[in-house]
Amino acid sequence: MFANINNALSLFSLVLTLCAILGGILAWRSSFIRTANEVQERVIGALESEIAALRQRLDDVARENTRLNQRIETICLALKKRGLEVVIDGDTITIIDNQKNSTITQMHI
């Protein structure tokens, strides 16, 4: 009779141990997945924030570029009124003196 009780207790202990191990593995896996998801959400949030900052910088640079182009046009008009024509073609800048009909300089940027 004690042998049957000992066998039953041993079997119960074995089953309980296996359940504890399996539960531990499942808990670790669940914790790992939850942690991975939290890290992924943080990274996505950080990247979205970085994208928003870069878009803002791009808008700022576009406004600055427009402002600088307007200044260049104003300078070119002022010089043209004084007889100097400035021609900007890509990376080449040519300055023409209309009063003397000569090209003053040509620069490559």
PDB file of N, CA and C in Angstrom:
ATOM      1  N   MET A   1       0.807  -1.180   0.000  1.00  0.00           N
ATOM      2  CA  MET A   1       0.000   0.000   0.000  1.00  0.00           C
ATOM      3  C   MET A   1       0.865   1.266   0.000  1.00  0.00           C
ATOM      4  N   PHE A   2       1.899   1.262   0.836  1.00  0.00           N
ATOM      5  CA  PHE A   2       2.804   2.421   0.853  1.00  0.00           C
ATOM      6  C   PHE A   2       3.538   2.548  -0.465  1.00  0.00           C
ATOM      7  N   ALA A   3       3.777   1.406  -1.125  1.00  0.00           N
ATOM      8  CA  ALA A   3       4.457   1.435  -2.414  1.00  0.00           C
ATOM      9  C   ALA A   3       3.590   2.139  -3.440  1.00  0.00           C
ATOM     10  N   ASN A   4       2.279   1.856  -3.398  1.00  0.00           N
ATOM     11  CA  ASN A   4       1.368   2.518  -4.341  1.00  0.00           C
ATOM     12  C   ASN A   4       1.284   4.011  -4.062  1.00  0.00           C
ATOM     13  N   ILE A   5       1.270   4.382  -2.788  1.00  0.00           N
ATOM     14  CA  ILE A   5       1.207   5.793  -2.416  1.00  0.00           C
ATOM     15  C   ILE A   5       2.506   6.485  -2.826  1.00  0.00           C
ATOM     16  N   ASN A   6       3.648   5.810  -2.571  1.00  0.00           N
ATOM     17  CA  ASN A   6       4.945   6.368  -2.968  1.00  0.00           C
ATOM     18  C   ASN A   6       5.027   6.532  -4.486  1.00  0.00           C
ATOM     19  N   ASN A   7       4.553   5.523  -5.227  1.00  0.00           N
ATOM     20  CA  ASN A   7       4.552   5.606  -6.696  1.00  0.00           C
ATOM     21  C   ASN A   7       3.641   6.734  -7.167  1.00  0.00           C
ATOM     22  N   ALA A   8       2.486   6.851  -6.543  1.00  0.00           N
ATOM     23  CA  ALA A   8       1.535   7.896  -6.922  1.00  0.00           C
ATOM     24  C   ALA A   8       2.127   9.268  -6.609  1.00  0.00           C
ATOM     25  N   LEU A   9       2.749   9.392  -5.426  1.00  0.00           N
ATOM     26  CA  LEU A   9       3.371  10.667  -5.063  1.00  0.00           C
ATOM     27  C   LEU A   9       4.547  10.979  -5.977  1.00  0.00           C
ATOM     28  N   SER A  10       5.319   9.984  -6.326  1.00  0.00           N
ATOM     29  CA  SER A  10       6.437  10.189  -7.248  1.00  0.00           C
ATOM     30  C   SER A  10       5.932  10.625  -8.613  1.00  0.00           C
ATOM     31  N   LEU A  11       4.894   9.964  -9.090  1.00  0.00           N
ATOM     32  CA  LEU A  11       4.319  10.318 -10.378  1.00  0.00           C
ATOM     33  C   LEU A  11       3.728  11.734 -10.319  1.00  0.00           C
ATOM     34  N   PHE A  12       3.028  12.051  -9.233  1.00  0.00           N
ATOM     35  CA  PHE A  12       2.452  13.380  -9.059  1.00  0.00           C
ATOM     36  C   PHE A  12       3.564  14.438  -8.999  1.00  0.00           C
ATOM     37  N   SER A  13       4.625  14.112  -8.284  1.00  0.00           N
ATOM     38  CA  SER A  13       5.754  15.027  -8.173  1.00  0.00           C
ATOM     39  C   SER A  13       6.403  15.244  -9.540  1.00  0.00           C
ATOM     40  N   LEU A  14       6.547  14.190 -10.315  1.00  0.00           N
ATOM     41  CA  LEU A  14       7.127  14.285 -11.655  1.00  0.00           C
ATOM     42  C   LEU A  14       6.250  15.150 -12.564  1.00  0.00           C
ATOM     43  N   VAL A  15       4.943  14.910 -12.532  1.00  0.00           N
ATOM     44  CA  VAL A  15       4.006  15.684 -13.350  1.00  0.00           C
ATOM     45  C   VAL A  15       4.030  17.144 -12.914  1.00  0.00           C
ATOM     46  N   LEU A  16       4.045  17.388 -11.612  1.00  0.00           N
ATOM     47  CA  LEU A  16       4.085  18.750 -11.085  1.00  0.00           C
ATOM     48  C   LEU A  16       5.375  19.453 -11.506  1.00  0.00           C
ATOM     49  N   THR A  17       6.495  18.751 -11.458  1.00  0.00           N
ATOM     50  CA  THR A  17       7.782  19.312 -11.869  1.00  0.00           C
ATOM     51  C   THR A  17       7.765  19.646 -13.357  1.00  0.00           C
ATOM     52  N   LEU A  18       7.249  18.745 -14.185  1.00  0.00           N
ATOM     53  CA  LEU A  18       7.174  18.992 -15.619  1.00  0.00           C
ATOM     54  C   LEU A  18       6.259  20.180 -15.924  1.00  0.00           C
ATOM     55  N   CYS A  19       5.144  20.276 -15.213  1.00  0.00           N
ATOM     56  CA  CYS A  19       4.236  21.413 -15.397  1.00  0.00           C
ATOM     57  C   CYS A  19       4.918  22.717 -14.990  1.00  0.00           C
ATOM     58  N   ALA A  20       5.674  22.685 -13.916  1.00  0.00           N
ATOM     59  CA  ALA A  20       6.382  23.883 -13.464  1.00  0.00           C
ATOM     60  C   ALA A  20       7.424  24.312 -14.496  1.00  0.00           C
ATOM     61  N   ILE A  21       8.156  23.337 -15.038  1.00  0.00           N
ATOM     62  CA  ILE A  21       9.161  23.648 -16.061  1.00  0.00           C
ATOM     63  C   ILE A  21       8.487  24.205 -17.307  1.00  0.00           C
ATOM     64  N   LEU A  22       7.417  23.556 -17.756  1.00  0.00           N
ATOM     65  CA  LEU A  22       6.690  24.019 -18.933  1.00  0.00           C
ATOM     66  C   LEU A  22       6.094  25.412 -18.694  1.00  0.00           C
ATOM     67  N   GLY A  23       5.549  25.632 -17.525  1.00  0.00           N
ATOM     68  CA  GLY A  23       5.003  26.948 -17.177  1.00  0.00           C
ATOM     69  C   GLY A  23       6.089  28.008 -17.165  1.00  0.00           C
ATOM     70  N   GLY A  24       7.253  27.663 -16.631  1.00  0.00           N
ATOM     71  CA  GLY A  24       8.374  28.599 -16.618  1.00  0.00           C
ATOM     72  C   GLY A  24       8.821  28.963 -18.019  1.00  0.00           C
ATOM     73  N   ILE A  25       8.888  27.970 -18.886  1.00  0.00           N
ATOM     74  CA  ILE A  25       9.288  28.221 -20.279  1.00  0.00           C
ATOM     75  C   ILE A  25       8.262  29.113 -20.970  1.00  0.00           C
ATOM     76  N   LEU A  26       6.978  28.813 -20.773  1.00  0.00           N
ATOM     77  CA  LEU A  26       5.934  29.632 -21.387  1.00  0.00           C
ATOM     78  C   LEU A  26       5.945  31.054 -20.831  1.00  0.00           C
ATOM     79  N   ALA A  27       6.171  31.200 -19.540  1.00  0.00           N
ATOM     80  CA  ALA A  27       6.236  32.531 -18.935  1.00  0.00           C
ATOM     81  C   ALA A  27       7.439  33.303 -19.472  1.00  0.00           C
ATOM     82  N   TRP A  28       8.585  32.650 -19.597  1.00  0.00           N
ATOM     83  CA  TRP A  28       9.778  33.305 -20.139  1.00  0.00           C
ATOM     84  C   TRP A  28       9.537  33.742 -21.585  1.00  0.00           C
ATOM     85  N   ARG A  29       8.925  32.845 -22.362  1.00  0.00           N
ATOM     86  CA  ARG A  29       8.653  33.151 -23.770  1.00  0.00           C
ATOM     87  C   ARG A  29       7.692  34.331 -23.873  1.00  0.00           C
ATOM     88  N   SER A  30       6.656  34.328 -23.071  1.00  0.00           N
ATOM     89  CA  SER A  30       5.683  35.410 -23.074  1.00  0.00           C
ATOM     90  C   SER A  30       6.343  36.730 -22.670  1.00  0.00           C
ATOM     91  N   SER A  31       7.191  36.678 -21.677  1.00  0.00           N
ATOM     92  CA  SER A  31       7.909  37.869 -21.222  1.00  0.00           C
ATOM     93  C   SER A  31       8.857  38.371 -22.309  1.00  0.00           C
ATOM     94  N   PHE A  32       9.523  37.455 -22.962  1.00  0.00           N
ATOM     95  CA  PHE A  32      10.444  37.816 -24.041  1.00  0.00           C
ATOM     96  C   PHE A  32       9.697  38.493 -25.187  1.00  0.00           C
ATOM     97  N   ILE A  33       8.562  37.926 -25.575  1.00  0.00           N
ATOM     98  CA  ILE A  33       7.769  38.494 -26.664  1.00  0.00           C
ATOM     99  C   ILE A  33       7.235  39.867 -26.271  1.00  0.00           C
ATOM    100  N   ARG A  34       6.758  40.006 -25.034  1.00  0.00           N
ATOM    101  CA  ARG A  34       6.240  41.295 -24.569  1.00  0.00           C
ATOM    102  C   ARG A  34       7.352  42.351 -24.576  1.00  0.00           C
ATOM    103  N   THR A  35       8.530  41.970 -24.100  1.00  0.00           N
ATOM    104  CA  THR A  35       9.665  42.891 -24.089  1.00  0.00           C
ATOM    105  C   THR A  35      10.046  43.281 -25.514  1.00  0.00           C
ATOM    106  N   ALA A  36      10.071  42.317 -26.420  1.00  0.00           N
ATOM    107  CA  ALA A  36      10.404  42.598 -27.821  1.00  0.00           C
ATOM    108  C   ALA A  36       9.378  43.556 -28.426  1.00  0.00           C
ATOM    109  N   ASN A  37       8.107  43.363 -28.122  1.00  0.00           N
ATOM    110  CA  ASN A  37       7.063  44.254 -28.638  1.00  0.00           C
ATOM    111  C   ASN A  37       7.210  45.666 -28.072  1.00  0.00           C
ATOM    112  N   GLU A  38       7.539  45.774 -26.788  1.00  0.00           N
ATOM    113  CA  GLU A  38       7.734  47.089 -26.173  1.00  0.00           C
ATOM    114  C   GLU A  38       8.928  47.814 -26.810  1.00  0.00           C
ATOM    115  N   VAL A  39      10.006  47.085 -27.037  1.00  0.00           N
ATOM    116  CA  VAL A  39      11.186  47.680 -27.678  1.00  0.00           C
ATOM    117  C   VAL A  39      10.837  48.116 -29.094  1.00  0.00           C
ATOM    118  N   GLN A  40      10.096  47.281 -29.805  1.00  0.00           N
ATOM    119  CA  GLN A  40       9.693  47.615 -31.166  1.00  0.00           C
ATOM    120  C   GLN A  40       8.834  48.882 -31.181  1.00  0.00           C
ATOM    121  N   GLU A  41       7.907  48.998 -30.240  1.00  0.00           N
ATOM    122  CA  GLU A  41       7.055  50.193 -30.163  1.00  0.00           C
ATOM    123  C   GLU A  41       7.888  51.442 -29.859  1.00  0.00           C
ATOM    124  N   ARG A  42       8.862  51.320 -28.967  1.00  0.00           N
ATOM    125  CA  ARG A  42       9.730  52.456 -28.652  1.00  0.00           C
ATOM    126  C   ARG A  42      10.551  52.876 -29.866  1.00  0.00           C
ATOM    127  N   VAL A  43      11.073  51.901 -30.588  1.00  0.00           N
ATOM    128  CA  VAL A  43      11.874  52.209 -31.780  1.00  0.00           C
ATOM    129  C   VAL A  43      11.004  52.879 -32.838  1.00  0.00           C
ATOM    130  N   ILE A  44       9.802  52.367 -33.039  1.00  0.00           N
ATOM    131  CA  ILE A  44       8.890  52.965 -34.012  1.00  0.00           C
ATOM    132  C   ILE A  44       8.570  54.404 -33.607  1.00  0.00           C
ATOM    133  N   GLY A  45       8.304  54.629 -32.337  1.00  0.00           N
ATOM    134  CA  GLY A  45       8.030  55.981 -31.852  1.00  0.00           C
ATOM    135  C   GLY A  45       9.210  56.920 -32.071  1.00  0.00           C
ATOM    136  N   ALA A  46      10.409  56.426 -31.779  1.00  0.00           N
ATOM    137  CA  ALA A  46      11.609  57.247 -31.974  1.00  0.00           C
ATOM    138  C   ALA A  46      11.817  57.559 -33.456  1.00  0.00           C
ATOM    139  N   LEU A  47      11.601  56.590 -34.318  1.00  0.00           N
ATOM    140  CA  LEU A  47      11.768  56.813 -35.756  1.00  0.00           C
ATOM    141  C   LEU A  47      10.713  57.785 -36.294  1.00  0.00           C
ATOM    142  N   GLU A  48       9.477  57.669 -35.808  1.00  0.00           N
ATOM    143  CA  GLU A  48       8.443  58.614 -36.231  1.00  0.00           C
ATOM    144  C   GLU A  48       8.797  60.031 -35.793  1.00  0.00           C
ATOM    145  N   SER A  49       9.331  60.157 -34.593  1.00  0.00           N
ATOM    146  CA  SER A  49       9.758  61.463 -34.102  1.00  0.00           C
ATOM    147  C   SER A  49      10.903  62.010 -34.963  1.00  0.00           C
ATOM    148  N   GLU A  50      11.834  61.172 -35.317  1.00  0.00           N
ATOM    149  CA  GLU A  50      12.965  61.576 -36.169  1.00  0.00           C
ATOM    150  C   GLU A  50      12.468  61.987 -37.557  1.00  0.00           C
ATOM    151  N   ILE A  51      11.514  61.248 -38.101  1.00  0.00           N
ATOM    152  CA  ILE A  51      10.948  61.593 -39.411  1.00  0.00           C
ATOM    153  C   ILE A  51      10.273  62.961 -39.348  1.00  0.00           C
ATOM    154  N   ALA A  52       9.521  63.208 -38.279  1.00  0.00           N
ATOM    155  CA  ALA A  52       8.851  64.507 -38.125  1.00  0.00           C
ATOM    156  C   ALA A  52       9.881  65.635 -38.037  1.00  0.00           C
ATOM    157  N   ALA A  53      10.952  65.402 -37.299  1.00  0.00           N
ATOM    158  CA  ALA A  53      12.008  66.423 -37.181  1.00  0.00           C
ATOM    159  C   ALA A  53      12.681  66.667 -38.533  1.00  0.00           C
ATOM    160  N   LEU A  54      12.935  65.606 -39.280  1.00  0.00           N
ATOM    161  CA  LEU A  54      13.564  65.749 -40.599  1.00  0.00           C
ATOM    162  C   LEU A  54      12.641  66.467 -41.579  1.00  0.00           C
ATOM    163  N   ARG A  55      11.334  66.180 -41.504  1.00  0.00           N
ATOM    164  CA  ARG A  55      10.386  66.895 -42.366  1.00  0.00           C
ATOM    165  C   ARG A  55      10.376  68.384 -42.037  1.00  0.00           C
ATOM    166  N   GLN A  56      10.437  68.694 -40.748  1.00  0.00           N
ATOM    167  CA  GLN A  56      10.464  70.097 -40.338  1.00  0.00           C
ATOM    168  C   GLN A  56      11.734  70.774 -40.850  1.00  0.00           C
ATOM    169  N   ARG A  57      12.867  70.085 -40.728  1.00  0.00           N
ATOM    170  CA  ARG A  57      14.127  70.641 -41.239  1.00  0.00           C
ATOM    171  C   ARG A  57      14.067  70.835 -42.747  1.00  0.00           C
ATOM    172  N   LEU A  58      13.467  69.878 -43.460  1.00  0.00           N
ATOM    173  CA  LEU A  58      13.332  69.992 -44.911  1.00  0.00           C
ATOM    174  C   LEU A  58      12.481  71.204 -45.275  1.00  0.00           C
ATOM    175  N   ASP A  59      11.384  71.415 -44.548  1.00  0.00           N
ATOM    176  CA  ASP A  59      10.553  72.604 -44.791  1.00  0.00           C
ATOM    177  C   ASP A  59      11.336  73.884 -44.525  1.00  0.00           C
ATOM    178  N   ASP A  60      12.105  73.883 -43.430  1.00  0.00           N
ATOM    179  CA  ASP A  60      12.921  75.063 -43.102  1.00  0.00           C
ATOM    180  C   ASP A  60      13.955  75.341 -44.195  1.00  0.00           C
ATOM    181  N   VAL A  61      14.601  74.290 -44.684  1.00  0.00           N
ATOM    182  CA  VAL A  61      15.618  74.450 -45.728  1.00  0.00           C
ATOM    183  C   VAL A  61      14.972  74.934 -47.024  1.00  0.00           C
ATOM    184  N   ALA A  62      13.789  74.430 -47.341  1.00  0.00           N
ATOM    185  CA  ALA A  62      13.092  74.871 -48.552  1.00  0.00           C
ATOM    186  C   ALA A  62      12.735  76.353 -48.452  1.00  0.00           C
ATOM    187  N   ARG A  63      12.256  76.788 -47.274  1.00  0.00           N
ATOM    188  CA  ARG A  63      11.940  78.213 -47.094  1.00  0.00           C
ATOM    189  C   ARG A  63      13.205  79.063 -47.193  1.00  0.00           C
ATOM    190  N   GLU A  64      14.293  78.594 -46.593  1.00  0.00           N
ATOM    191  CA  GLU A  64      15.564  79.322 -46.655  1.00  0.00           C
ATOM    192  C   GLU A  64      16.069  79.398 -48.093  1.00  0.00           C
ATOM    193  N   ASN A  65      15.933  78.320 -48.842  1.00  0.00           N
ATOM    194  CA  ASN A  65      16.361  78.293 -50.242  1.00  0.00           C
ATOM    195  C   ASN A  65      15.550  79.297 -51.065  1.00  0.00           C
ATOM    196  N   THR A  66      14.255  79.336 -50.829  1.00  0.00           N
ATOM    197  CA  THR A  66      13.407  80.304 -51.530  1.00  0.00           C
ATOM    198  C   THR A  66      13.829  81.732 -51.193  1.00  0.00           C
ATOM    199  N   ARG A  67      14.073  81.991 -49.924  1.00  0.00           N
ATOM    200  CA  ARG A  67      14.498  83.320 -49.477  1.00  0.00           C
ATOM    201  C   ARG A  67      15.832  83.710 -50.133  1.00  0.00           C
ATOM    202  N   LEU A  68      16.783  82.771 -50.170  1.00  0.00           N
ATOM    203  CA  LEU A  68      18.089  83.065 -50.765  1.00  0.00           C
ATOM    204  C   LEU A  68      17.974  83.280 -52.276  1.00  0.00           C
ATOM    205  N   ASN A  69      17.122  82.497 -52.944  1.00  0.00           N
ATOM    206  CA  ASN A  69      16.924  82.698 -54.382  1.00  0.00           C
ATOM    207  C   ASN A  69      16.328  84.073 -54.660  1.00  0.00           C
ATOM    208  N   GLN A  70      15.406  84.525 -53.804  1.00  0.00           N
ATOM    209  CA  GLN A  70      14.836  85.863 -53.967  1.00  0.00           C
ATOM    210  C   GLN A  70      15.907  86.933 -53.779  1.00  0.00           C
ATOM    211  N   ARG A  71      16.799  86.737 -52.829  1.00  0.00           N
ATOM    212  CA  ARG A  71      17.899  87.691 -52.628  1.00  0.00           C
ATOM    213  C   ARG A  71      18.815  87.739 -53.837  1.00  0.00           C
ATOM    214  N   ILE A  72      19.141  86.565 -54.386  1.00  0.00           N
ATOM    215  CA  ILE A  72      20.003  86.515 -55.567  1.00  0.00           C
ATOM    216  C   ILE A  72      19.343  87.250 -56.728  1.00  0.00           C
ATOM    217  N   GLU A  73      18.039  87.036 -56.923  1.00  0.00           N
ATOM    218  CA  GLU A  73      17.324  87.724 -58.002  1.00  0.00           C
ATOM    219  C   GLU A  73      17.352  89.236 -57.783  1.00  0.00           C
ATOM    220  N   THR A  74      17.189  89.677 -56.543  1.00  0.00           N
ATOM    221  CA  THR A  74      17.232  91.108 -56.233  1.00  0.00           C
ATOM    222  C   THR A  74      18.610  91.690 -56.536  1.00  0.00           C
ATOM    223  N   ILE A  75      19.652  90.982 -56.149  1.00  0.00           N
ATOM    224  CA  ILE A  75      21.024  91.434 -56.417  1.00  0.00           C
ATOM    225  C   ILE A  75      21.269  91.492 -57.920  1.00  0.00           C
ATOM    226  N   CYS A  76      20.807  90.467 -58.647  1.00  0.00           N
ATOM    227  CA  CYS A  76      20.998  90.450 -60.105  1.00  0.00           C
ATOM    228  C   CYS A  76      20.279  91.629 -60.756  1.00  0.00           C
ATOM    229  N   LEU A  77      19.064  91.949 -60.295  1.00  0.00           N
ATOM    230  CA  LEU A  77      18.333  93.094 -60.846  1.00  0.00           C
ATOM    231  C   LEU A  77      19.040  94.408 -60.539  1.00  0.00           C
ATOM    232  N   ALA A  78      19.561  94.542 -59.320  1.00  0.00           N
ATOM    233  CA  ALA A  78      20.283  95.767 -58.946  1.00  0.00           C
ATOM    234  C   ALA A  78      21.538  95.928 -59.790  1.00  0.00           C
ATOM    235  N   LEU A  79      22.255  94.841 -60.019  1.00  0.00           N
ATOM    236  CA  LEU A  79      23.462  94.909 -60.854  1.00  0.00           C
ATOM    237  C   LEU A  79      23.113  95.207 -62.305  1.00  0.00           C
ATOM    238  N   LYS A  80      21.998  94.652 -62.781  1.00  0.00           N
ATOM    239  CA  LYS A  80      21.584  94.885 -64.163  1.00  0.00           C
ATOM    240  C   LYS A  80      21.270  96.365 -64.390  1.00  0.00           C
ATOM    241  N   LYS A  81      20.667  97.000 -63.380  1.00  0.00           N
ATOM    242  CA  LYS A  81      20.389  98.440 -63.486  1.00  0.00           C
ATOM    243  C   LYS A  81      21.675  99.251 -63.577  1.00  0.00           C
ATOM    244  N   ARG A  82      22.774  98.715 -63.075  1.00  0.00           N
ATOM    245  CA  ARG A  82      24.073  99.408 -63.125  1.00  0.00           C
ATOM    246  C   ARG A  82      24.901  98.976 -64.336  1.00  0.00           C
ATOM    247  N   GLY A  83      24.308  98.123 -65.191  1.00  0.00           N
ATOM    248  CA  GLY A  83      25.014  97.747 -66.409  1.00  0.00           C
ATOM    249  C   GLY A  83      25.735  96.410 -66.332  1.00  0.00           C
ATOM    250  N   LEU A  84      25.627  95.709 -65.208  1.00  0.00           N
ATOM    251  CA  LEU A  84      26.258  94.388 -65.089  1.00  0.00           C
ATOM    252  C   LEU A  84      25.158  93.325 -65.111  1.00  0.00           C
ATOM    253  N   GLU A  85      25.321  92.371 -65.999  1.00  0.00           N
ATOM    254  CA  GLU A  85      24.343  91.298 -66.084  1.00  0.00           C
ATOM    255  C   GLU A  85      24.959  90.027 -65.496  1.00  0.00           C
ATOM    256  N   VAL A  86      24.249  89.405 -64.591  1.00  0.00           N
ATOM    257  CA  VAL A  86      24.716  88.172 -63.957  1.00  0.00           C
ATOM    258  C   VAL A  86      23.852  87.033 -64.491  1.00  0.00           C
ATOM    259  N   VAL A  87      24.526  86.049 -65.090  1.00  0.00           N
ATOM    260  CA  VAL A  87      23.830  84.876 -65.628  1.00  0.00           C
ATOM    261  C   VAL A  87      24.277  83.663 -64.821  1.00  0.00           C
ATOM    262  N   ILE A  88      23.329  83.017 -64.183  1.00  0.00           N
ATOM    263  CA  ILE A  88      23.628  81.815 -63.404  1.00  0.00           C
ATOM    264  C   ILE A  88      23.049  80.635 -64.148  1.00  0.00           C
ATOM    265  N   ASP A  89      23.936  79.723 -64.556  1.00  0.00           N
ATOM    266  CA  ASP A  89      23.516  78.534 -65.294  1.00  0.00           C
ATOM    267  C   ASP A  89      24.095  77.314 -64.592  1.00  0.00           C
ATOM    268  N   GLY A  90      23.313  76.732 -63.715  1.00  0.00           N
ATOM    269  CA  GLY A  90      23.787  75.576 -62.951  1.00  0.00           C
ATOM    270  C   GLY A  90      24.908  75.983 -62.023  1.00  0.00           C
ATOM    271  N   ASP A  91      26.097  75.420 -62.232  1.00  0.00           N
ATOM    272  CA  ASP A  91      27.262  75.730 -61.404  1.00  0.00           C
ATOM    273  C   ASP A  91      28.123  76.835 -61.991  1.00  0.00           C
ATOM    274  N   THR A  92      27.712  77.419 -63.116  1.00  0.00           N
ATOM    275  CA  THR A  92      28.502  78.457 -63.773  1.00  0.00           C
ATOM    276  C   THR A  92      27.844  79.818 -63.578  1.00  0.00           C
ATOM    277  N   ILE A  93      28.648  80.792 -63.181  1.00  0.00           N
ATOM    278  CA  ILE A  93      28.180  82.165 -63.024  1.00  0.00           C
ATOM    279  C   ILE A  93      28.979  83.036 -63.989  1.00  0.00           C
ATOM    280  N   THR A  94      28.269  83.759 -64.854  1.00  0.00           N
ATOM    281  CA  THR A  94      28.910  84.648 -65.817  1.00  0.00           C
ATOM    282  C   THR A  94      28.457  86.074 -65.520  1.00  0.00           C
ATOM    283  N   ILE A  95      29.411  86.985 -65.442  1.00  0.00           N
ATOM    284  CA  ILE A  95      29.098  88.397 -65.216  1.00  0.00           C
ATOM    285  C   ILE A  95      29.484  89.163 -66.481  1.00  0.00           C
ATOM    286  N   ILE A  96      28.502  89.846 -67.065  1.00  0.00           N
ATOM    287  CA  ILE A  96      28.706  90.562 -68.329  1.00  0.00           C
ATOM    288  C   ILE A  96      28.550  92.052 -68.065  1.00  0.00           C
ATOM    289  N   ASP A  97      29.527  92.826 -68.530  1.00  0.00           N
ATOM    290  CA  ASP A  97      29.471  94.291 -68.418  1.00  0.00           C
ATOM    291  C   ASP A  97      28.840  94.819 -69.702  1.00  0.00           C
ATOM    292  N   ASN A  98      27.574  95.211 -69.635  1.00  0.00           N
ATOM    293  CA  ASN A  98      26.858  95.678 -70.831  1.00  0.00           C
ATOM    294  C   ASN A  98      27.365  97.035 -71.304  1.00  0.00           C
ATOM    295  N   GLN A  99      27.933  97.819 -70.413  1.00  0.00           N
ATOM    296  CA  GLN A  99      28.439  99.135 -70.812  1.00  0.00           C
ATOM    297  C   GLN A  99      29.698  99.003 -71.660  1.00  0.00           C
ATOM    298  N   LYS A 100      30.502  97.993 -71.413  1.00  0.00           N
ATOM    299  CA  LYS A 100      31.754  97.788 -72.158  1.00  0.00           C
ATOM    300  C   LYS A 100      31.645  96.605 -73.121  1.00  0.00           C
ATOM    301  N   ASN A 101      30.472  95.932 -73.146  1.00  0.00           N
ATOM    302  CA  ASN A 101      30.257  94.749 -73.977  1.00  0.00           C
ATOM    303  C   ASN A 101      31.349  93.703 -73.781  1.00  0.00           C
ATOM    304  N   SER A 102      31.652  93.401 -72.540  1.00  0.00           N
ATOM    305  CA  SER A 102      32.680  92.394 -72.266  1.00  0.00           C
ATOM    306  C   SER A 102      32.216  91.494 -71.121  1.00  0.00           C
ATOM    307  N   THR A 103      32.776  90.294 -71.130  1.00  0.00           N
ATOM    308  CA  THR A 103      32.511  89.346 -70.050  1.00  0.00           C
ATOM    309  C   THR A 103      33.566  89.554 -68.992  1.00  0.00           C
ATOM    310  N   ILE A 104      33.132  89.824 -67.786  1.00  0.00           N
ATOM    311  CA  ILE A 104      34.085  90.097 -66.723  1.00  0.00           C
ATOM    312  C   ILE A 104      34.679  88.806 -66.181  1.00  0.00           C
ATOM    313  N   THR A 105      33.845  87.913 -65.808  1.00  0.00           N
ATOM    314  CA  THR A 105      34.378  86.690 -65.207  1.00  0.00           C
ATOM    315  C   THR A 105      33.389  85.551 -65.367  1.00  0.00           C
ATOM    316  N   GLN A 106      33.924  84.368 -65.306  1.00  0.00           N
ATOM    317  CA  GLN A 106      33.095  83.174 -65.353  1.00  0.00           C
ATOM    318  C   GLN A 106      33.629  82.245 -64.275  1.00  0.00           C
ATOM    319  N   MET A 107      32.755  81.875 -63.351  1.00  0.00           N
ATOM    320  CA  MET A 107      33.189  81.043 -62.215  1.00  0.00           C
ATOM    321  C   MET A 107      32.414  79.729 -62.209  1.00  0.00           C
ATOM    322  N   HIS A 108      33.102  78.694 -61.813  1.00  0.00           N
ATOM    323  CA  HIS A 108      32.450  77.387 -61.611  1.00  0.00           C
ATOM    324  C   HIS A 108      32.425  77.125 -60.114  1.00  0.00           C
ATOM    325  N   ILE A 109      31.241  76.854 -59.612  1.00  0.00           N
ATOM    326  CA  ILE A 109      31.099  76.600 -58.173  1.00  0.00           C
ATOM    327  C   ILE A 109      31.318  75.133 -57.915  1.00  0.00           C
TER     328      ILE A 109
END
